[in-house]
Amino acid sequence: MGLPFLDSSSFSAAGQPVWRGDELGAADAQVMATGHAALDAQLPGGGWPVGALIELLQAEPLAQAWQLLLPALARAVQAQGGPVALVGAPYEPFMPALAAAGLGPEALLWIRSEAPAARLWACEQALRCADVPAVLAWLPRARVGELRRLQLAAAQHDTLLFVFRPEAMALSASPARVRLRVALEAGEGGAAQLALHILKRRGPPLAAPVTLPARSERMAALLAAGQLRRRLGPHARHCVSSLPPEGGAFRLGSGPAAEPPAGGVGVAEPVATVVRIASPPVFSVVESGHALDRIALVAA
């Protein structure tokens, strides 16, 4: 006996939407605009999925990845008020540039740990915290089951979850709703740009990457002014006097994260150091008119 034939119109007539594999799927949950129109046009629902794992693959940690995530992170903090948790970030965030984009020092928690088990534990705790609107985690050795556990935690609390992993993991299985390979390339005129290869989404494969400027307009202007100053020497000072002092170089940090205390972090009893990141004295963002001091808190 042959199987009955059902075409897509029979499902549509029954009131059930049909998604075809050659079309961009609709979002089945809340999304948040990325802040980049070209990228929003290629993501289901027009933005980052909230309460789902978003995986970013890189050959090496790129400071320019902040340019990709900052608009959504600033919007999430403004809407919810809590801090963004950075778990295992390889470099210290450069706060003047982040604050200029709307992400001040009070809006970040930097959780330092080298032990994979401690990082996973810290991620789960941050995802379960109602005050945390987004979690950024660097998990180069996370297994599929561990990622799935984080995915479930993000779904339960409607949290933005970005996980950074090595580019070599592109061929491995992942429960991520969206997977991007992020690369730094030279664009027209030699200007640096971010090439976003969409590896996984609810929709057809994307033949060409989405390209975005690797630097903000303010940063590009500051770099151009610096190059002009070097070419013209001391007589070029008046050429850049009108630039805003709070522009700051857009970089992630001046060096790798500090090493954990002697003895490391045990797997049986995960421990992570949470660092409140201060703005340098030259860029005050607190109401009292002076920069915050660094306060190290130990969470166990």
C-alpha atoms as a PDB file:
ATOM      1  CA  MET A   1       0.000   0.000   0.000  1.00  0.00           C
ATOM      2  CA  GLY A   2       1.443   3.348  -0.999  1.00  0.00           C
ATOM      3  CA  LEU A   3       1.797   6.265   1.385  1.00  0.00           C
ATOM      4  CA  PRO A   4      -0.760   9.085   1.007  1.00  0.00           C
ATOM      5  CA  PHE A   5       0.521  12.167  -0.764  1.00  0.00           C
ATOM      6  CA  LEU A   6       0.407  15.413   1.184  1.00  0.00           C
ATOM      7  CA  ASP A   7       1.515  18.672  -0.339  1.00  0.00           C
ATOM      8  CA  SER A   8       2.380  21.851   1.520  1.00  0.00           C
ATOM      9  CA  SER A   9      -0.978  23.430   0.723  1.00  0.00           C
ATOM     10  CA  SER A  10      -2.766  20.875   2.903  1.00  0.00           C
ATOM     11  CA  PHE A  11      -0.771  21.985   5.918  1.00  0.00           C
ATOM     12  CA  SER A  12      -1.246  25.659   5.139  1.00  0.00           C
ATOM     13  CA  ALA A  13      -4.974  25.137   4.806  1.00  0.00           C
ATOM     14  CA  ALA A  14      -5.000  23.577   8.259  1.00  0.00           C
ATOM     15  CA  GLY A  15      -3.503  26.775   9.652  1.00  0.00           C
ATOM     16  CA  GLN A  16      -0.050  25.350  10.305  1.00  0.00           C
ATOM     17  CA  PRO A  17       2.831  27.371   8.865  1.00  0.00           C
ATOM     18  CA  VAL A  18       5.195  25.556   6.544  1.00  0.00           C
ATOM     19  CA  TRP A  19       8.912  26.291   6.448  1.00  0.00           C
ATOM     20  CA  ARG A  20      10.774  25.305   3.317  1.00  0.00           C
ATOM     21  CA  GLY A  21      14.492  24.622   3.479  1.00  0.00           C
ATOM     22  CA  ASP A  22      15.285  27.138   0.734  1.00  0.00           C
ATOM     23  CA  GLU A  23      13.693  29.998   2.690  1.00  0.00           C
ATOM     24  CA  LEU A  24      14.857  31.920   5.722  1.00  0.00           C
ATOM     25  CA  GLY A  25      12.918  30.591   8.682  1.00  0.00           C
ATOM     26  CA  ALA A  26      10.893  32.698  11.067  1.00  0.00           C
ATOM     27  CA  ALA A  27      11.984  33.129  14.663  1.00  0.00           C
ATOM     28  CA  ASP A  28      10.235  30.806  17.084  1.00  0.00           C
ATOM     29  CA  ALA A  29      11.204  32.930  20.086  1.00  0.00           C
ATOM     30  CA  GLN A  30      12.219  36.454  21.025  1.00  0.00           C
ATOM     31  CA  VAL A  31      15.053  38.061  19.063  1.00  0.00           C
ATOM     32  CA  MET A  32      17.187  41.150  19.641  1.00  0.00           C
ATOM     33  CA  ALA A  33      18.414  43.231  16.726  1.00  0.00           C
ATOM     34  CA  THR A  34      22.166  42.926  16.214  1.00  0.00           C
ATOM     35  CA  GLY A  35      22.546  46.594  15.362  1.00  0.00           C
ATOM     36  CA  HIS A  36      23.854  45.668  11.907  1.00  0.00           C
ATOM     37  CA  ALA A  37      21.158  45.767   9.206  1.00  0.00           C
ATOM     38  CA  ALA A  38      23.076  43.508   6.808  1.00  0.00           C
ATOM     39  CA  LEU A  39      23.364  40.791   9.456  1.00  0.00           C
ATOM     40  CA  ASP A  40      19.778  41.167  10.707  1.00  0.00           C
ATOM     41  CA  ALA A  41      18.571  40.503   7.161  1.00  0.00           C
ATOM     42  CA  GLN A  42      20.263  37.081   7.227  1.00  0.00           C
ATOM     43  CA  LEU A  43      19.081  35.905  10.653  1.00  0.00           C
ATOM     44  CA  PRO A  44      15.658  34.366  11.354  1.00  0.00           C
ATOM     45  CA  GLY A  45      13.424  36.994  12.927  1.00  0.00           C
ATOM     46  CA  GLY A  46      15.952  39.731  12.162  1.00  0.00           C
ATOM     47  CA  GLY A  47      18.321  39.458  15.121  1.00  0.00           C
ATOM     48  CA  TRP A  48      20.113  37.383  17.744  1.00  0.00           C
ATOM     49  CA  PRO A  49      17.886  34.682  19.258  1.00  0.00           C
ATOM     50  CA  VAL A  50      17.244  35.340  22.955  1.00  0.00           C
ATOM     51  CA  GLY A  51      17.380  32.298  25.203  1.00  0.00           C
ATOM     52  CA  ALA A  52      19.498  30.308  22.768  1.00  0.00           C
ATOM     53  CA  LEU A  53      23.149  29.461  22.231  1.00  0.00           C
ATOM     54  CA  ILE A  54      24.931  31.624  19.654  1.00  0.00           C
ATOM     55  CA  GLU A  55      28.345  30.244  18.712  1.00  0.00           C
ATOM     56  CA  LEU A  56      31.156  32.430  17.377  1.00  0.00           C
ATOM     57  CA  LEU A  57      34.135  30.604  15.884  1.00  0.00           C
ATOM     58  CA  GLN A  58      37.483  32.368  15.506  1.00  0.00           C
ATOM     59  CA  ALA A  59      40.987  31.301  14.504  1.00  0.00           C
ATOM     60  CA  GLU A  60      42.205  33.438  17.428  1.00  0.00           C
ATOM     61  CA  PRO A  61      40.505  35.859  19.833  1.00  0.00           C
ATOM     62  CA  LEU A  62      39.693  39.060  17.961  1.00  0.00           C
ATOM     63  CA  ALA A  63      39.227  42.417  19.663  1.00  0.00           C
ATOM     64  CA  GLN A  64      37.034  43.410  16.725  1.00  0.00           C
ATOM     65  CA  ALA A  65      34.382  40.911  17.861  1.00  0.00           C
ATOM     66  CA  TRP A  66      33.265  43.598  20.295  1.00  0.00           C
ATOM     67  CA  GLN A  67      32.236  45.710  17.314  1.00  0.00           C
ATOM     68  CA  LEU A  68      29.880  42.886  16.323  1.00  0.00           C
ATOM     69  CA  LEU A  69      28.245  42.430  19.734  1.00  0.00           C
ATOM     70  CA  LEU A  70      28.284  45.875  21.336  1.00  0.00           C
ATOM     71  CA  PRO A  71      24.997  47.257  19.929  1.00  0.00           C
ATOM     72  CA  ALA A  72      22.941  44.314  21.205  1.00  0.00           C
ATOM     73  CA  LEU A  73      24.766  44.155  24.543  1.00  0.00           C
ATOM     74  CA  ALA A  74      24.239  47.858  25.211  1.00  0.00           C
ATOM     75  CA  ARG A  75      20.548  47.505  24.347  1.00  0.00           C
ATOM     76  CA  ALA A  76      20.153  44.464  26.599  1.00  0.00           C
ATOM     77  CA  VAL A  77      21.768  46.249  29.561  1.00  0.00           C
ATOM     78  CA  GLN A  78      19.618  49.324  28.998  1.00  0.00           C
ATOM     79  CA  ALA A  79      16.453  47.203  28.927  1.00  0.00           C
ATOM     80  CA  GLN A  80      17.232  44.977  31.909  1.00  0.00           C
ATOM     81  CA  GLY A  81      19.732  46.938  33.956  1.00  0.00           C
ATOM     82  CA  GLY A  82      22.012  44.103  35.051  1.00  0.00           C
ATOM     83  CA  PRO A  83      25.635  43.453  34.055  1.00  0.00           C
ATOM     84  CA  VAL A  84      26.935  41.425  31.128  1.00  0.00           C
ATOM     85  CA  ALA A  85      29.013  38.468  32.361  1.00  0.00           C
ATOM     86  CA  LEU A  86      32.334  37.737  30.610  1.00  0.00           C
ATOM     87  CA  VAL A  87      33.503  34.218  31.449  1.00  0.00           C
ATOM     88  CA  GLY A  88      37.117  33.394  30.634  1.00  0.00           C
ATOM     89  CA  ALA A  89      37.755  36.438  28.431  1.00  0.00           C
ATOM     90  CA  PRO A  90      41.342  36.172  27.107  1.00  0.00           C
ATOM     91  CA  TYR A  91      42.015  39.902  27.481  1.00  0.00           C
ATOM     92  CA  GLU A  92      40.873  42.657  29.774  1.00  0.00           C
ATOM     93  CA  PRO A  93      38.162  44.788  28.151  1.00  0.00           C
ATOM     94  CA  PHE A  94      39.232  48.347  27.365  1.00  0.00           C
ATOM     95  CA  MET A  95      36.567  50.303  29.182  1.00  0.00           C
ATOM     96  CA  PRO A  96      36.800  53.781  27.580  1.00  0.00           C
ATOM     97  CA  ALA A  97      35.852  52.356  24.183  1.00  0.00           C
ATOM     98  CA  LEU A  98      33.102  50.134  25.599  1.00  0.00           C
ATOM     99  CA  ALA A  99      31.674  52.981  27.677  1.00  0.00           C
ATOM    100  CA  ALA A 100      31.636  55.247  24.618  1.00  0.00           C
ATOM    101  CA  ALA A 101      29.444  52.600  22.956  1.00  0.00           C
ATOM    102  CA  GLY A 102      27.028  52.476  25.910  1.00  0.00           C
ATOM    103  CA  LEU A 103      28.565  49.692  28.003  1.00  0.00           C
ATOM    104  CA  GLY A 104      30.025  51.297  31.133  1.00  0.00           C
ATOM    105  CA  PRO A 105      32.204  49.620  33.794  1.00  0.00           C
ATOM    106  CA  GLU A 106      29.202  49.006  36.047  1.00  0.00           C
ATOM    107  CA  ALA A 107      27.653  46.955  33.231  1.00  0.00           C
ATOM    108  CA  LEU A 108      30.390  44.304  33.046  1.00  0.00           C
ATOM    109  CA  LEU A 109      31.490  41.416  35.254  1.00  0.00           C
ATOM    110  CA  TRP A 110      34.745  39.795  34.210  1.00  0.00           C
ATOM    111  CA  ILE A 111      34.958  36.242  35.572  1.00  0.00           C
ATOM    112  CA  ARG A 112      38.501  34.897  35.309  1.00  0.00           C
ATOM    113  CA  SER A 113      39.235  31.186  35.400  1.00  0.00           C
ATOM    114  CA  GLU A 114      41.487  28.813  33.478  1.00  0.00           C
ATOM    115  CA  ALA A 115      39.849  25.517  34.526  1.00  0.00           C
ATOM    116  CA  PRO A 116      37.205  24.330  31.999  1.00  0.00           C
ATOM    117  CA  ALA A 117      34.938  22.985  34.754  1.00  0.00           C
ATOM    118  CA  ALA A 118      35.049  26.300  36.596  1.00  0.00           C
ATOM    119  CA  ARG A 119      34.172  28.235  33.458  1.00  0.00           C
ATOM    120  CA  LEU A 120      31.174  26.001  32.773  1.00  0.00           C
ATOM    121  CA  TRP A 121      30.032  26.328  36.359  1.00  0.00           C
ATOM    122  CA  ALA A 122      30.374  30.120  36.231  1.00  0.00           C
ATOM    123  CA  CYS A 123      28.386  30.221  32.973  1.00  0.00           C
ATOM    124  CA  GLU A 124      25.522  28.262  34.460  1.00  0.00           C
ATOM    125  CA  GLN A 125      25.420  30.461  37.560  1.00  0.00           C
ATOM    126  CA  ALA A 126      25.398  33.628  35.443  1.00  0.00           C
ATOM    127  CA  LEU A 127      22.644  32.281  33.173  1.00  0.00           C
ATOM    128  CA  ARG A 128      20.499  31.502  36.207  1.00  0.00           C
ATOM    129  CA  CYS A 129      20.893  35.025  37.580  1.00  0.00           C
ATOM    130  CA  ALA A 130      17.817  37.090  36.776  1.00  0.00           C
ATOM    131  CA  ASP A 131      19.837  40.319  36.714  1.00  0.00           C
ATOM    132  CA  VAL A 132      22.225  39.164  33.952  1.00  0.00           C
ATOM    133  CA  PRO A 133      20.873  39.973  30.447  1.00  0.00           C
ATOM    134  CA  ALA A 134      23.754  38.399  28.503  1.00  0.00           C
ATOM    135  CA  VAL A 135      26.672  36.002  28.965  1.00  0.00           C
ATOM    136  CA  LEU A 136      29.823  35.906  26.830  1.00  0.00           C
ATOM    137  CA  ALA A 137      31.875  32.759  27.405  1.00  0.00           C
ATOM    138  CA  TRP A 138      35.186  31.557  25.978  1.00  0.00           C
ATOM    139  CA  LEU A 139      34.931  27.758  26.085  1.00  0.00           C
ATOM    140  CA  PRO A 140      37.520  26.262  23.712  1.00  0.00           C
ATOM    141  CA  ARG A 141      37.240  22.731  25.130  1.00  0.00           C
ATOM    142  CA  ALA A 142      33.521  22.464  25.857  1.00  0.00           C
ATOM    143  CA  ARG A 143      31.831  19.238  24.777  1.00  0.00           C
ATOM    144  CA  VAL A 144      28.475  18.960  23.027  1.00  0.00           C
ATOM    145  CA  GLY A 145      26.677  17.796  26.170  1.00  0.00           C
ATOM    146  CA  GLU A 146      28.064  20.731  28.154  1.00  0.00           C
ATOM    147  CA  LEU A 147      26.988  23.197  25.469  1.00  0.00           C
ATOM    148  CA  ARG A 148      23.524  21.654  25.452  1.00  0.00           C
ATOM    149  CA  ARG A 149      23.275  22.213  29.211  1.00  0.00           C
ATOM    150  CA  LEU A 150      24.142  25.881  28.742  1.00  0.00           C
ATOM    151  CA  GLN A 151      21.600  26.119  25.935  1.00  0.00           C
ATOM    152  CA  LEU A 152      18.873  24.839  28.268  1.00  0.00           C
ATOM    153  CA  ALA A 153      19.886  27.272  31.014  1.00  0.00           C
ATOM    154  CA  ALA A 154      19.746  30.204  28.576  1.00  0.00           C
ATOM    155  CA  ALA A 155      16.309  29.091  27.350  1.00  0.00           C
ATOM    156  CA  GLN A 156      14.926  28.862  30.872  1.00  0.00           C
ATOM    157  CA  HIS A 157      15.873  32.452  31.707  1.00  0.00           C
ATOM    158  CA  ASP A 158      15.678  34.206  28.298  1.00  0.00           C
ATOM    159  CA  THR A 159      19.330  35.211  28.354  1.00  0.00           C
ATOM    160  CA  LEU A 160      21.558  36.132  25.435  1.00  0.00           C
ATOM    161  CA  LEU A 161      24.356  33.555  25.306  1.00  0.00           C
ATOM    162  CA  PHE A 162      27.436  33.955  23.100  1.00  0.00           C
ATOM    163  CA  VAL A 163      30.049  31.197  23.221  1.00  0.00           C
ATOM    164  CA  PHE A 164      33.451  31.681  21.604  1.00  0.00           C
ATOM    165  CA  ARG A 165      35.199  28.552  20.321  1.00  0.00           C
ATOM    166  CA  PRO A 166      38.144  27.808  18.009  1.00  0.00           C
ATOM    167  CA  GLU A 167      37.598  27.862  14.268  1.00  0.00           C
ATOM    168  CA  ALA A 168      38.691  24.208  14.131  1.00  0.00           C
ATOM    169  CA  MET A 169      35.363  23.257  15.776  1.00  0.00           C
ATOM    170  CA  ALA A 170      33.392  24.304  12.682  1.00  0.00           C
ATOM    171  CA  LEU A 171      32.942  20.680  11.529  1.00  0.00           C
ATOM    172  CA  SER A 172      31.904  19.382  14.955  1.00  0.00           C
ATOM    173  CA  ALA A 173      28.320  19.019  16.148  1.00  0.00           C
ATOM    174  CA  SER A 174      26.813  21.882  18.111  1.00  0.00           C
ATOM    175  CA  PRO A 175      23.394  22.611  19.664  1.00  0.00           C
ATOM    176  CA  ALA A 176      23.795  26.312  18.792  1.00  0.00           C
ATOM    177  CA  ARG A 177      20.809  27.983  17.176  1.00  0.00           C
ATOM    178  CA  VAL A 178      23.159  30.239  15.184  1.00  0.00           C
ATOM    179  CA  ARG A 179      26.826  29.577  14.338  1.00  0.00           C
ATOM    180  CA  LEU A 180      29.111  32.209  12.826  1.00  0.00           C
ATOM    181  CA  ARG A 181      32.738  32.037  11.777  1.00  0.00           C
ATOM    182  CA  VAL A 182      34.245  35.452  12.399  1.00  0.00           C
ATOM    183  CA  ALA A 183      37.350  36.450  10.449  1.00  0.00           C
ATOM    184  CA  LEU A 184      39.283  39.676   9.988  1.00  0.00           C
ATOM    185  CA  GLU A 185      39.909  40.482   6.343  1.00  0.00           C
ATOM    186  CA  ALA A 186      41.117  43.368   4.211  1.00  0.00           C
ATOM    187  CA  GLY A 187      38.312  45.185   2.434  1.00  0.00           C
ATOM    188  CA  GLU A 188      38.235  47.836  -0.238  1.00  0.00           C
ATOM    189  CA  GLY A 189      41.096  50.255   0.051  1.00  0.00           C
ATOM    190  CA  GLY A 190      42.835  47.986   2.545  1.00  0.00           C
ATOM    191  CA  ALA A 191      40.424  48.858   5.366  1.00  0.00           C
ATOM    192  CA  ALA A 192      39.901  46.019   7.850  1.00  0.00           C
ATOM    193  CA  GLN A 193      36.494  44.377   7.878  1.00  0.00           C
ATOM    194  CA  LEU A 194      34.765  41.558   9.700  1.00  0.00           C
ATOM    195  CA  ALA A 195      33.710  38.662   7.497  1.00  0.00           C
ATOM    196  CA  LEU A 196      30.816  36.746   9.071  1.00  0.00           C
ATOM    197  CA  HIS A 197      30.348  33.277   7.603  1.00  0.00           C
ATOM    198  CA  ILE A 198      26.951  31.958   8.720  1.00  0.00           C
ATOM    199  CA  LEU A 199      27.500  28.232   9.263  1.00  0.00           C
ATOM    200  CA  LYS A 200      24.156  27.442  10.873  1.00  0.00           C
ATOM    201  CA  ARG A 201      20.798  29.134  10.853  1.00  0.00           C
ATOM    202  CA  ARG A 202      17.211  28.167  10.107  1.00  0.00           C
ATOM    203  CA  GLY A 203      17.495  28.773   6.408  1.00  0.00           C
ATOM    204  CA  PRO A 204      19.525  27.961   3.308  1.00  0.00           C
ATOM    205  CA  PRO A 205      23.336  28.119   3.333  1.00  0.00           C
ATOM    206  CA  LEU A 206      24.737  31.596   2.740  1.00  0.00           C
ATOM    207  CA  ALA A 207      27.149  31.565  -0.196  1.00  0.00           C
ATOM    208  CA  ALA A 208      28.972  34.799   0.606  1.00  0.00           C
ATOM    209  CA  PRO A 209      29.843  36.140   4.063  1.00  0.00           C
ATOM    210  CA  VAL A 210      28.228  39.189   5.578  1.00  0.00           C
ATOM    211  CA  THR A 211      30.857  41.928   5.875  1.00  0.00           C
ATOM    212  CA  LEU A 212      30.898  44.654   8.503  1.00  0.00           C
ATOM    213  CA  PRO A 213      33.391  47.407   9.315  1.00  0.00           C
ATOM    214  CA  ALA A 214      35.934  46.097  11.809  1.00  0.00           C
ATOM    215  CA  ARG A 215      36.000  49.434  13.613  1.00  0.00           C
ATOM    216  CA  SER A 216      33.435  52.023  14.588  1.00  0.00           C
ATOM    217  CA  GLU A 217      33.308  55.337  12.736  1.00  0.00           C
ATOM    218  CA  ARG A 218      34.830  57.119  15.725  1.00  0.00           C
ATOM    219  CA  MET A 219      37.679  54.640  15.941  1.00  0.00           C
ATOM    220  CA  ALA A 220      38.345  54.895  12.216  1.00  0.00           C
ATOM    221  CA  ALA A 221      38.469  58.686  12.524  1.00  0.00           C
ATOM    222  CA  LEU A 222      40.888  58.496  15.437  1.00  0.00           C
ATOM    223  CA  LEU A 223      43.191  56.090  13.601  1.00  0.00           C
ATOM    224  CA  ALA A 224      43.150  58.310  10.519  1.00  0.00           C
ATOM    225  CA  ALA A 225      43.981  61.324  12.693  1.00  0.00           C
ATOM    226  CA  GLY A 226      46.859  59.423  14.299  1.00  0.00           C
ATOM    227  CA  GLN A 227      48.296  58.498  10.916  1.00  0.00           C
ATOM    228  CA  LEU A 228      48.012  62.119   9.790  1.00  0.00           C
ATOM    229  CA  ARG A 229      49.772  63.286  12.952  1.00  0.00           C
ATOM    230  CA  ARG A 230      52.654  60.884  12.381  1.00  0.00           C
ATOM    231  CA  ARG A 231      53.037  62.026   8.775  1.00  0.00           C
ATOM    232  CA  LEU A 232      52.929  65.753   9.515  1.00  0.00           C
ATOM    233  CA  GLY A 233      54.773  65.727  12.816  1.00  0.00           C
ATOM    234  CA  PRO A 234      54.244  68.354  15.562  1.00  0.00           C
ATOM    235  CA  HIS A 235      52.504  70.764  13.170  1.00  0.00           C
ATOM    236  CA  ALA A 236      49.532  68.387  12.868  1.00  0.00           C
ATOM    237  CA  ARG A 237      48.232  68.931  16.418  1.00  0.00           C
ATOM    238  CA  HIS A 238      45.608  71.441  15.304  1.00  0.00           C
ATOM    239  CA  CYS A 239      44.260  68.924  12.774  1.00  0.00           C
ATOM    240  CA  VAL A 240      42.909  66.610  15.473  1.00  0.00           C
ATOM    241  CA  SER A 241      42.037  69.074  18.209  1.00  0.00           C
ATOM    242  CA  SER A 242      38.341  68.824  17.457  1.00  0.00           C
ATOM    243  CA  LEU A 243      38.096  65.054  18.010  1.00  0.00           C
ATOM    244  CA  PRO A 244      36.160  64.044  21.135  1.00  0.00           C
ATOM    245  CA  PRO A 245      38.523  63.102  24.000  1.00  0.00           C
ATOM    246  CA  GLU A 246      36.411  60.133  24.995  1.00  0.00           C
ATOM    247  CA  GLY A 247      36.936  58.342  21.677  1.00  0.00           C
ATOM    248  CA  GLY A 248      39.633  56.035  23.041  1.00  0.00           C
ATOM    249  CA  ALA A 249      41.362  53.348  21.051  1.00  0.00           C
ATOM    250  CA  PHE A 250      39.061  50.412  20.410  1.00  0.00           C
ATOM    251  CA  ARG A 251      41.008  47.482  21.727  1.00  0.00           C
ATOM    252  CA  LEU A 252      40.204  44.598  24.007  1.00  0.00           C
ATOM    253  CA  GLY A 253      43.203  44.982  26.298  1.00  0.00           C
ATOM    254  CA  SER A 254      46.924  45.385  26.545  1.00  0.00           C
ATOM    255  CA  GLY A 255      47.783  41.813  27.445  1.00  0.00           C
ATOM    256  CA  PRO A 256      46.474  38.414  28.445  1.00  0.00           C
ATOM    257  CA  ALA A 257      44.355  37.926  31.517  1.00  0.00           C
ATOM    258  CA  ALA A 258      46.182  37.527  34.774  1.00  0.00           C
ATOM    259  CA  GLU A 259      47.120  34.033  35.863  1.00  0.00           C
ATOM    260  CA  PRO A 260      44.957  32.451  38.563  1.00  0.00           C
ATOM    261  CA  PRO A 261      46.308  32.207  42.103  1.00  0.00           C
ATOM    262  CA  ALA A 262      48.827  29.514  42.953  1.00  0.00           C
ATOM    263  CA  GLY A 263      47.241  26.105  43.075  1.00  0.00           C
ATOM    264  CA  GLY A 264      44.799  26.857  40.249  1.00  0.00           C
ATOM    265  CA  VAL A 265      41.101  26.159  40.316  1.00  0.00           C
ATOM    266  CA  GLY A 266      39.983  22.683  41.314  1.00  0.00           C
ATOM    267  CA  VAL A 267      37.528  20.805  39.193  1.00  0.00           C
ATOM    268  CA  ALA A 268      35.689  19.284  42.136  1.00  0.00           C
ATOM    269  CA  GLU A 269      35.099  22.705  43.699  1.00  0.00           C
ATOM    270  CA  PRO A 270      34.830  25.239  40.880  1.00  0.00           C
ATOM    271  CA  VAL A 271      36.042  28.686  41.824  1.00  0.00           C
ATOM    272  CA  ALA A 272      36.084  31.760  39.612  1.00  0.00           C
ATOM    273  CA  THR A 273      37.314  35.273  40.271  1.00  0.00           C
ATOM    274  CA  VAL A 274      34.836  38.016  39.410  1.00  0.00           C
ATOM    275  CA  VAL A 275      36.466  41.342  38.639  1.00  0.00           C
ATOM    276  CA  ARG A 276      34.659  44.642  38.580  1.00  0.00           C
ATOM    277  CA  ILE A 277      36.413  46.479  35.760  1.00  0.00           C
ATOM    278  CA  ALA A 278      37.318  50.099  36.402  1.00  0.00           C
ATOM    279  CA  SER A 279      37.602  52.915  33.928  1.00  0.00           C
ATOM    280  CA  PRO A 280      41.038  54.595  33.853  1.00  0.00           C
ATOM    281  CA  PRO A 281      41.312  58.014  35.549  1.00  0.00           C
ATOM    282  CA  VAL A 282      41.426  59.817  32.197  1.00  0.00           C
ATOM    283  CA  PHE A 283      37.910  58.629  31.361  1.00  0.00           C
ATOM    284  CA  SER A 284      35.533  59.029  34.270  1.00  0.00           C
ATOM    285  CA  VAL A 285      32.048  57.606  33.843  1.00  0.00           C
ATOM    286  CA  VAL A 286      30.707  57.508  37.396  1.00  0.00           C
ATOM    287  CA  GLU A 287      28.503  60.214  38.807  1.00  0.00           C
ATOM    288  CA  SER A 288      30.978  61.104  41.550  1.00  0.00           C
ATOM    289  CA  GLY A 289      33.463  62.309  38.928  1.00  0.00           C
ATOM    290  CA  HIS A 290      36.234  59.788  39.531  1.00  0.00           C
ATOM    291  CA  ALA A 291      37.026  56.346  38.180  1.00  0.00           C
ATOM    292  CA  LEU A 292      36.041  53.171  39.976  1.00  0.00           C
ATOM    293  CA  ASP A 293      38.663  51.171  41.801  1.00  0.00           C
ATOM    294  CA  ARG A 294      39.164  47.528  40.852  1.00  0.00           C
ATOM    295  CA  ILE A 295      37.335  45.277  43.275  1.00  0.00           C
ATOM    296  CA  ALA A 296      38.079  41.560  43.077  1.00  0.00           C
ATOM    297  CA  LEU A 297      35.322  39.275  44.381  1.00  0.00           C
ATOM    298  CA  VAL A 298      35.711  35.527  44.739  1.00  0.00           C
ATOM    299  CA  ALA A 299      32.619  33.465  43.946  1.00  0.00           C
ATOM    300  CA  ALA A 300      32.550  29.869  45.065  1.00  0.00           C
END
